[in-house]
Protein backbone atom coordinates (compact mmCIF):
# COMPACT_ATOMS: atom_id res chain seq x y z
CA UNK A 1 0.00 0.00 0.00
CA UNK A 2 1.44 3.35 -1.02
CA UNK A 3 2.13 5.64 1.92
CA UNK A 4 -0.18 8.65 2.00
CA UNK A 5 1.29 12.08 2.68
CA UNK A 6 -0.83 14.92 4.04
CA UNK A 7 -0.92 17.85 1.64
CA UNK A 8 -2.95 20.92 0.84
CA UNK A 9 -5.37 20.27 -1.99
CA UNK A 10 -8.41 22.01 -3.37
CA UNK A 11 -11.65 20.26 -2.47
CA UNK A 12 -13.90 19.63 -5.42
CA UNK A 13 -17.65 19.42 -4.85
CA UNK A 14 -19.44 16.36 -6.19
CA UNK A 15 -20.62 16.81 -9.76
CA UNK A 16 -22.43 13.83 -11.24
CA UNK A 17 -23.10 15.40 -14.62
CA UNK A 18 -21.76 12.78 -17.07
CA UNK A 19 -18.64 13.85 -18.95
CA UNK A 20 -18.56 12.93 -22.64
CA UNK A 21 -15.58 10.60 -22.92
CA UNK A 22 -14.32 9.82 -26.42
CA UNK A 23 -12.46 6.50 -26.61
CA UNK A 24 -10.26 5.63 -29.60
CA UNK A 25 -10.28 1.88 -30.21
CA UNK A 26 -6.52 1.33 -30.56
CA UNK A 27 -5.05 -1.54 -32.58
CA UNK A 28 -7.97 -3.85 -33.41
CA UNK A 29 -5.69 -6.90 -33.36
CA UNK A 30 -4.65 -6.17 -29.76
CA UNK A 31 -6.42 -5.99 -26.41
CA UNK A 32 -7.75 -2.43 -26.82
CA UNK A 33 -11.35 -3.38 -27.67
CA UNK A 34 -11.35 -6.06 -24.96
CA UNK A 35 -10.32 -3.73 -22.13
CA UNK A 36 -12.80 -1.12 -23.38
CA UNK A 37 -15.62 -3.68 -23.23
CA UNK A 38 -14.63 -4.86 -19.76
CA UNK A 39 -14.12 -1.35 -18.37
CA UNK A 40 -17.53 -0.16 -19.57
CA UNK A 41 -19.40 -3.33 -18.64
CA UNK A 42 -20.32 -1.79 -15.30
CA UNK A 43 -23.31 0.52 -14.97
CA UNK A 44 -21.62 2.46 -12.18
CA UNK A 45 -19.13 4.06 -14.59
CA UNK A 46 -22.05 5.40 -16.66
CA UNK A 47 -23.01 7.62 -13.73
CA UNK A 48 -19.86 9.66 -14.28
CA UNK A 49 -19.37 9.55 -18.02
CA UNK A 50 -21.02 9.09 -21.38
CA UNK A 51 -18.66 6.78 -23.32
CA UNK A 52 -18.35 7.34 -27.06
CA UNK A 53 -16.24 4.66 -28.75
CA UNK A 54 -14.68 5.46 -32.12
CA UNK A 55 -14.57 2.29 -34.22
CA UNK A 56 -17.41 0.21 -35.60
CA UNK A 57 -20.19 -1.95 -34.20
CA UNK A 58 -18.96 -4.89 -36.31
CA UNK A 59 -15.47 -4.64 -34.83
CA UNK A 60 -16.79 -4.42 -31.28
CA UNK A 61 -19.15 -7.35 -31.92
CA UNK A 62 -16.18 -9.44 -33.12
CA UNK A 63 -14.24 -8.76 -29.92
CA UNK A 64 -17.29 -9.24 -27.75
CA UNK A 65 -17.76 -12.71 -29.23
CA UNK A 66 -14.05 -13.52 -29.03
CA UNK A 67 -13.97 -13.03 -25.25
CA UNK A 68 -17.39 -14.63 -24.70
CA UNK A 69 -19.11 -11.52 -23.36
CA UNK A 70 -22.92 -11.67 -23.52
CA UNK A 71 -23.66 -8.68 -21.30
CA UNK A 72 -21.99 -5.73 -23.02
CA UNK A 73 -24.58 -3.53 -24.75
CA UNK A 74 -24.06 -0.49 -26.95
CA UNK A 75 -25.81 1.63 -29.53
CA UNK A 76 -24.61 3.05 -32.82
CA UNK A 77 -24.77 6.81 -33.38
CA UNK A 78 -23.96 8.63 -36.59
CA UNK A 79 -22.57 11.63 -34.75
CA UNK A 80 -21.08 12.06 -31.27
CA UNK A 81 -23.58 14.85 -30.62
CA UNK A 82 -26.33 12.20 -30.70
CA UNK A 83 -24.77 10.12 -27.93
CA UNK A 84 -27.13 9.29 -25.08
CA UNK A 85 -26.21 9.57 -21.42
CA UNK A 86 -26.13 6.40 -19.30
CA UNK A 87 -25.46 4.35 -22.43
CA UNK A 88 -22.38 3.13 -24.32
CA UNK A 89 -22.29 4.77 -27.75
CA UNK A 90 -20.29 3.82 -30.85
CA UNK A 91 -19.48 6.26 -33.65
CA UNK A 92 -18.79 4.19 -36.75
CA UNK A 93 -15.57 5.34 -38.40
CA UNK A 94 -15.83 2.63 -41.05
CA UNK A 95 -18.63 0.37 -42.33
CA UNK A 96 -16.70 -2.42 -44.01
CA UNK A 97 -16.06 -5.80 -42.43
CA UNK A 98 -12.42 -5.78 -41.37
CA UNK A 99 -10.15 -8.82 -41.46
CA UNK A 100 -9.26 -8.87 -37.77
CA UNK A 101 -6.33 -11.16 -36.95
CA UNK A 102 -6.04 -11.28 -33.20
CA UNK A 103 -2.47 -11.23 -31.97
CA UNK A 104 -1.04 -10.20 -35.35
CA UNK A 105 0.91 -6.97 -35.78
CA UNK A 106 0.00 -5.83 -39.29
CA UNK A 107 -0.84 -2.70 -41.26
CA UNK A 108 -4.57 -3.38 -41.01
CA UNK A 109 -4.47 -2.92 -37.25
CA UNK A 110 -2.53 0.32 -37.64
CA UNK A 111 -4.86 1.65 -40.36
CA UNK A 112 -8.02 1.39 -38.29
CA UNK A 113 -6.31 2.60 -35.12
CA UNK A 114 -5.32 5.74 -37.06
CA UNK A 115 -8.85 6.21 -38.48
CA UNK A 116 -10.32 5.96 -34.99
CA UNK A 117 -7.80 8.40 -33.51
CA UNK A 118 -8.30 10.96 -36.30
CA UNK A 119 -12.08 10.99 -35.92
CA UNK A 120 -11.89 11.20 -32.14
CA UNK A 121 -9.48 14.15 -32.19
CA UNK A 122 -11.64 15.95 -34.76
CA UNK A 123 -14.66 15.60 -32.49
CA UNK A 124 -12.60 16.70 -29.49
CA UNK A 125 -11.61 19.85 -31.37
CA UNK A 126 -15.24 20.45 -32.35
CA UNK A 127 -16.39 20.18 -28.74
CA UNK A 128 -18.47 17.06 -29.37
CA UNK A 129 -16.59 15.19 -26.65
CA UNK A 130 -15.06 16.59 -23.47
CA UNK A 131 -12.01 14.35 -23.04
CA UNK A 132 -10.12 11.68 -24.96
CA UNK A 133 -9.04 8.24 -23.73
CA UNK A 134 -6.85 6.32 -26.17
CA UNK A 135 -6.61 2.53 -26.25
CA UNK A 136 -3.14 1.12 -26.99
CA UNK A 137 -1.61 1.36 -30.45
CA UNK A 138 1.32 -0.46 -31.99
CA UNK A 139 3.83 2.15 -33.08
CA UNK A 140 5.13 -0.23 -35.74
CA UNK A 141 1.75 -0.87 -37.38
CA UNK A 142 0.37 2.66 -37.12
CA UNK A 143 3.54 4.00 -38.73
CA UNK A 144 2.95 1.58 -41.60
CA UNK A 145 -0.46 3.23 -41.99
CA UNK A 146 1.05 6.71 -42.37
CA UNK A 147 1.14 7.97 -38.77
CA UNK A 148 4.23 10.17 -38.60
CA UNK A 149 4.65 10.72 -34.85
CA UNK A 150 6.50 8.70 -32.19
CA UNK A 151 3.29 8.29 -30.19
CA UNK A 152 0.00 9.78 -28.99
CA UNK A 153 1.78 12.39 -26.87
CA UNK A 154 3.64 13.97 -29.77
CA UNK A 155 0.62 13.72 -32.10
CA UNK A 156 -1.66 15.59 -29.70
CA UNK A 157 1.02 18.17 -28.93
CA UNK A 158 1.32 18.92 -32.66
CA UNK A 159 -2.45 19.24 -33.09
CA UNK A 160 -2.55 21.57 -30.09
CA UNK A 161 0.10 23.84 -31.57
CA UNK A 162 2.63 22.90 -28.89
CA UNK A 163 6.20 22.01 -29.69
CA UNK A 164 6.24 19.61 -26.78
CA UNK A 165 3.96 18.05 -24.18
CA UNK A 166 4.61 16.48 -20.81
CA UNK A 167 4.17 12.73 -20.53
CA UNK A 168 3.05 11.85 -17.01
CA UNK A 169 2.26 8.47 -15.47
CA UNK A 170 -0.33 8.56 -12.69
CA UNK A 171 -1.53 6.11 -10.05
CA UNK A 172 -3.17 7.73 -7.05
CA UNK A 173 -0.61 10.04 -5.44
CA UNK A 174 2.25 8.59 -7.48
CA UNK A 175 3.00 10.79 -10.48
CA UNK A 176 6.07 10.36 -12.69
CA UNK A 177 6.76 12.80 -15.54
CA UNK A 178 9.47 12.66 -18.20
CA UNK A 179 11.94 15.19 -19.57
CA UNK A 180 12.36 13.08 -22.74
CA UNK A 181 9.98 10.38 -23.90
CA UNK A 182 9.96 8.42 -27.17
CA UNK A 183 13.51 8.92 -28.39
CA UNK A 184 16.56 6.62 -28.65
CA UNK A 185 18.67 6.38 -25.53
CA UNK A 186 21.72 7.76 -27.38
CA UNK A 187 19.78 10.99 -27.99
CA UNK A 188 18.80 11.49 -24.35
CA UNK A 189 22.11 13.08 -23.27
CA UNK A 190 21.84 15.64 -26.05
CA UNK A 191 18.25 16.54 -25.08
CA UNK A 192 18.78 16.74 -21.31
CA UNK A 193 19.63 20.43 -21.13
CA UNK A 194 19.13 22.97 -18.38
CA UNK A 195 16.55 24.84 -20.47
CA UNK A 196 14.53 21.70 -21.26
CA UNK A 197 14.58 20.43 -17.69
CA UNK A 198 13.47 23.82 -16.35
CA UNK A 199 10.66 23.98 -18.91
CA UNK A 200 9.46 20.52 -17.85
CA UNK A 201 9.57 21.51 -14.18
CA UNK A 202 7.38 24.50 -14.99
CA UNK A 203 4.91 22.34 -16.96
CA UNK A 204 4.79 19.77 -14.18
CA UNK A 205 4.26 22.39 -11.49
CA UNK A 206 1.48 23.99 -13.54
CA UNK A 207 -0.24 20.65 -14.15
CA UNK A 208 -0.11 19.65 -10.50
CA UNK A 209 -1.92 22.86 -9.62
CA UNK A 210 -4.43 22.97 -12.50
CA UNK A 211 -5.12 19.29 -13.05
CA UNK A 212 -4.74 17.87 -9.55
CA UNK A 213 -5.57 20.85 -7.35
CA UNK A 214 -2.31 20.78 -5.37
CA UNK A 215 -1.74 24.29 -4.05
CA UNK A 216 2.03 24.13 -3.47
CA UNK A 217 3.50 21.10 -5.25
CA UNK A 218 6.69 19.43 -4.10
CA UNK A 219 8.72 17.98 -6.99
CA UNK A 220 11.61 15.51 -6.98
CA UNK A 221 14.05 15.46 -9.93
CA UNK A 222 16.08 12.37 -10.78
CA UNK A 223 19.65 12.34 -12.01
CA UNK A 224 20.71 10.97 -15.39
CA UNK A 225 23.76 8.88 -14.55
CA UNK A 226 24.25 6.04 -12.03
CA UNK A 227 24.40 7.42 -8.48
CA UNK A 228 23.33 10.80 -9.92
CA UNK A 229 26.82 11.24 -11.33
CA UNK A 230 28.71 10.47 -8.10
CA UNK A 231 29.98 14.07 -7.91
CA UNK A 232 31.30 13.97 -11.46
CA UNK A 233 32.89 10.53 -11.29
CA UNK A 234 30.15 8.99 -13.46
CA UNK A 235 29.10 11.95 -15.55
CA UNK A 236 28.74 15.72 -15.40
CA UNK A 237 25.16 16.19 -16.60
CA UNK A 238 23.96 16.50 -13.01
CA UNK A 239 26.31 19.36 -12.14
CA UNK A 240 26.17 21.08 -15.53
CA UNK A 241 22.49 20.74 -16.49
CA UNK A 242 20.20 19.21 -13.87
CA UNK A 243 21.30 20.96 -10.65
CA UNK A 244 21.32 24.45 -12.25
CA UNK A 245 17.77 23.83 -13.51
CA UNK A 246 16.63 22.79 -10.02
CA UNK A 247 18.26 25.86 -8.48
CA UNK A 248 16.63 28.13 -11.04
CA UNK A 249 13.23 26.57 -10.36
CA UNK A 250 13.68 27.11 -6.61
CA UNK A 251 14.58 30.75 -7.24
CA UNK A 252 11.35 31.07 -9.20
CA UNK A 253 9.30 29.74 -6.29
CA UNK A 254 8.84 26.10 -7.38
CA UNK A 255 9.56 23.63 -4.57
CA UNK A 256 12.03 21.31 -6.29
CA UNK A 257 14.64 18.88 -4.91
CA UNK A 258 17.32 16.60 -6.36
CA UNK A 259 18.94 15.22 -8.34
CA UNK A 260 18.27 11.80 -6.80
CA UNK A 261 19.73 8.46 -7.98
CA UNK A 262 16.77 6.72 -9.62
CA UNK A 263 17.32 3.23 -8.21
CA UNK A 264 17.62 4.28 -4.58
CA UNK A 265 14.82 6.83 -4.94
CA UNK A 266 12.23 4.25 -5.98
CA UNK A 267 13.69 1.44 -3.88
CA UNK A 268 13.55 3.43 -0.64
CA UNK A 269 10.05 4.80 -1.40
CA UNK A 270 11.22 8.41 -1.34
CA UNK A 271 8.58 9.14 -3.98
CA UNK A 272 5.98 9.05 -1.18
CA UNK A 273 7.41 12.35 0.11
CA UNK A 274 6.67 14.23 -3.12
CA UNK A 275 3.69 15.21 -5.25
CA UNK A 276 5.50 14.24 -8.45
CA UNK A 277 8.78 12.92 -9.79
CA UNK A 278 10.56 14.20 -12.91
CA UNK A 279 12.64 11.51 -14.63
CA UNK A 280 15.15 12.19 -17.38
CA UNK A 281 14.11 9.49 -19.87
CA UNK A 282 11.41 6.93 -20.67
CA UNK A 283 12.68 3.72 -19.09
CA UNK A 284 14.13 5.47 -16.05
CA UNK A 285 10.73 6.78 -15.04
CA UNK A 286 8.46 4.03 -16.36
CA UNK A 287 10.44 1.10 -14.95
CA UNK A 288 10.05 2.46 -11.44
CA UNK A 289 6.43 3.45 -12.02
CA UNK A 290 5.25 0.20 -13.58
CA UNK A 291 7.00 -1.84 -10.91
CA UNK A 292 4.79 -0.05 -8.39
CA UNK A 293 1.55 0.46 -10.31
CA UNK A 294 1.34 -1.67 -13.43
CA UNK A 295 -2.28 -2.78 -12.99
CA UNK A 296 -3.91 0.62 -12.55
CA UNK A 297 -1.38 3.11 -13.93
CA UNK A 298 -2.51 5.80 -16.38
CA UNK A 299 -0.61 7.75 -19.03
CA UNK A 300 -1.70 11.41 -18.90
CA UNK A 301 -0.60 13.99 -21.48
CA UNK A 302 -0.10 17.16 -19.43
CA UNK A 303 0.55 20.66 -20.69
CA UNK A 304 -2.17 20.65 -23.36
CA UNK A 305 -5.47 22.55 -23.57
CA UNK A 306 -7.28 19.20 -23.88
CA UNK A 307 -7.48 16.22 -21.52
CA UNK A 308 -6.09 12.93 -22.81
CA UNK A 309 -5.37 9.77 -20.85
CA UNK A 310 -4.50 6.19 -21.77
CA UNK A 311 -3.87 2.84 -20.07
CA UNK A 312 -0.20 2.43 -19.21
CA UNK A 313 0.10 -0.90 -21.05
CA UNK A 314 0.52 -1.78 -24.71
CA UNK A 315 -1.37 -3.84 -27.29
CA UNK A 316 -0.41 -7.15 -25.66
CA UNK A 317 -0.79 -9.11 -28.90
CA UNK A 318 0.21 -12.30 -27.09
CA UNK A 319 -3.03 -12.39 -25.06
CA UNK A 320 -5.40 -10.66 -27.51
CA UNK A 321 -8.81 -12.35 -27.73
CA UNK A 322 -8.17 -14.72 -24.84
CA UNK A 323 -10.35 -12.82 -22.37
CA UNK A 324 -7.59 -12.54 -19.76
CA UNK A 325 -6.53 -8.89 -20.20
CA UNK A 326 -7.10 -6.70 -17.14
CA UNK A 327 -9.34 -3.68 -17.68
CA UNK A 328 -8.27 -1.86 -14.51
CA UNK A 329 -5.83 0.51 -16.23
CA UNK A 330 -8.44 1.46 -18.86
CA UNK A 331 -11.04 2.06 -16.16
CA UNK A 332 -8.55 4.20 -14.22
CA UNK A 333 -7.76 6.15 -17.41
CA UNK A 334 -11.46 6.96 -17.90
CA UNK A 335 -11.93 8.07 -14.30
CA UNK A 336 -8.74 10.15 -14.30
CA UNK A 337 -9.81 11.97 -17.49
CA UNK A 338 -13.18 12.76 -15.91
CA UNK A 339 -11.56 13.93 -12.66
CA UNK A 340 -9.06 16.21 -14.42
CA UNK A 341 -11.76 17.71 -16.64
CA UNK A 342 -13.89 18.55 -13.60
CA UNK A 343 -10.91 19.82 -11.64
CA UNK A 344 -9.89 22.17 -14.48
CA UNK A 345 -13.46 23.43 -14.79
CA UNK A 346 -13.73 24.01 -11.05
CA UNK A 347 -10.40 25.84 -10.78
CA UNK A 348 -11.25 27.98 -13.81
CA UNK A 349 -14.59 28.96 -12.27
CA UNK A 350 -13.15 29.99 -8.90
CA UNK A 351 -10.42 32.04 -10.59
CA UNK A 352 -12.57 33.80 -13.16
CA UNK A 353 -12.15 37.57 -13.31
CA UNK A 354 -15.51 39.33 -13.73
CA UNK A 355 -13.80 42.05 -15.78
CA UNK A 356 -12.94 41.13 -19.39
CA UNK A 357 -9.26 41.14 -20.24
CA UNK A 358 -7.76 42.25 -23.49
CA UNK A 359 -5.27 39.87 -25.10
CA UNK A 360 -2.16 41.80 -26.09
CA UNK A 361 0.10 38.88 -26.97
CA UNK A 362 -0.68 36.48 -29.80
CA UNK A 363 -0.18 32.84 -28.85
CA UNK A 364 0.95 30.17 -31.28
CA UNK A 365 -2.20 28.92 -32.97
CA UNK A 366 -3.03 25.25 -32.90
CA UNK A 367 -4.30 23.16 -35.76
CA UNK A 368 -7.32 21.99 -33.81
CA UNK A 369 -7.50 23.05 -30.17
C-alpha cells in the first residue's frame, strides 16, 4: 500500500453530470477493444461519463464474441452529438467488415487505429466530446499506416500547436513525468539540457496545480547517470544541467529537490514524500512506475489545452482475444480523465475575473484546439 502524505489540496464538490468521454479503439488486433468492453461493462461508470467509442459496431461485436461476453450492450450513433447519457455509444468510423487477426501486428491494425484516432481528435476539437481516452496502439503498425509521430503524446502536442507536451504516469498520489519520452537512448544526453529540464519543471508544477488541485507542489528530480553522477565521477550532466535547472526553479518559487539516484529513490520509497517525480528518460521513469503500479497506472498527457489519458500498457498481442486482459488501467484512465476535466473546470470557475481582459500577446495557434 502506497504511503499517503498529508498535503494541501483544493476540495472539489461532487458533480455527477456525465462527462462525454471519447475512446479511440486502438489496434484492433490487440487488447484495446477487450479492455474497453470490460471497463464499460459496469453501470456504475455510466453515472460519471457518457462513453463514445470510435470504431465500428462490427469490430466491437467481433471482440465481444471472441472473449465470450454476452452482457456488453451499446448503440450506434452517426454523430457524437447524438450520444445518449447512461449508455455506451459507438461512432462508426468505417462500415466495411475488417479482417481482424487477433495477436497479429499488421498494417490493417494500424490503419483502423489511425482512423479511430483521427475521428476522435476531430470531435474533441469540435467540442463534441469533453475528453479523450486512447486505447493502446502499436507504433510499428500505425507508422505503416502513415502515422508520422512517435506516439499519442507527440501527435496531440502537434495538433494543439505545442512544440512539446509532458508525458506523465499517474496512479493515485504517485506521479512520474518525463523530460524526454519516445527517443533513442543515445539521444537522451543531447536533449537533457538545463533549459529543457526547467521547462518541464514549470509544466509539471502547472499541471499539479491545474489538473490535480495541489496548491504548493513538491517535486523531486532524478539524475541521469548512475548514483546521480557520483559528484562527477560517473558523468557531469547533473552538475552542468540538472542541478542548475533545479536551483533556477527554486529561485522562481517552485519547490524542487534533487537530483536523486533513480534506483535508490524508488527502492527506498522516497517518492511518497513528493507530489511528483521528474525523470530524465522513458525507461528510467516508467520502470520504477510500472513496478509499483502496473495494474492501474494511467498515461496522462499534461501541458495541453485538452485532456487525454490512456492505459499504461501496450497492445499485448500475445493475449489478444483470450479474455484474460485486465481492464483496470483502462477504467482508471477513464476516471482520471473525468476527474481532471472537472478539476480544471472548477479551478477555472473559482479564478474567473468578472472584468474582461484584453489579449495583447498572440499565442501560437493550434491546428485543432
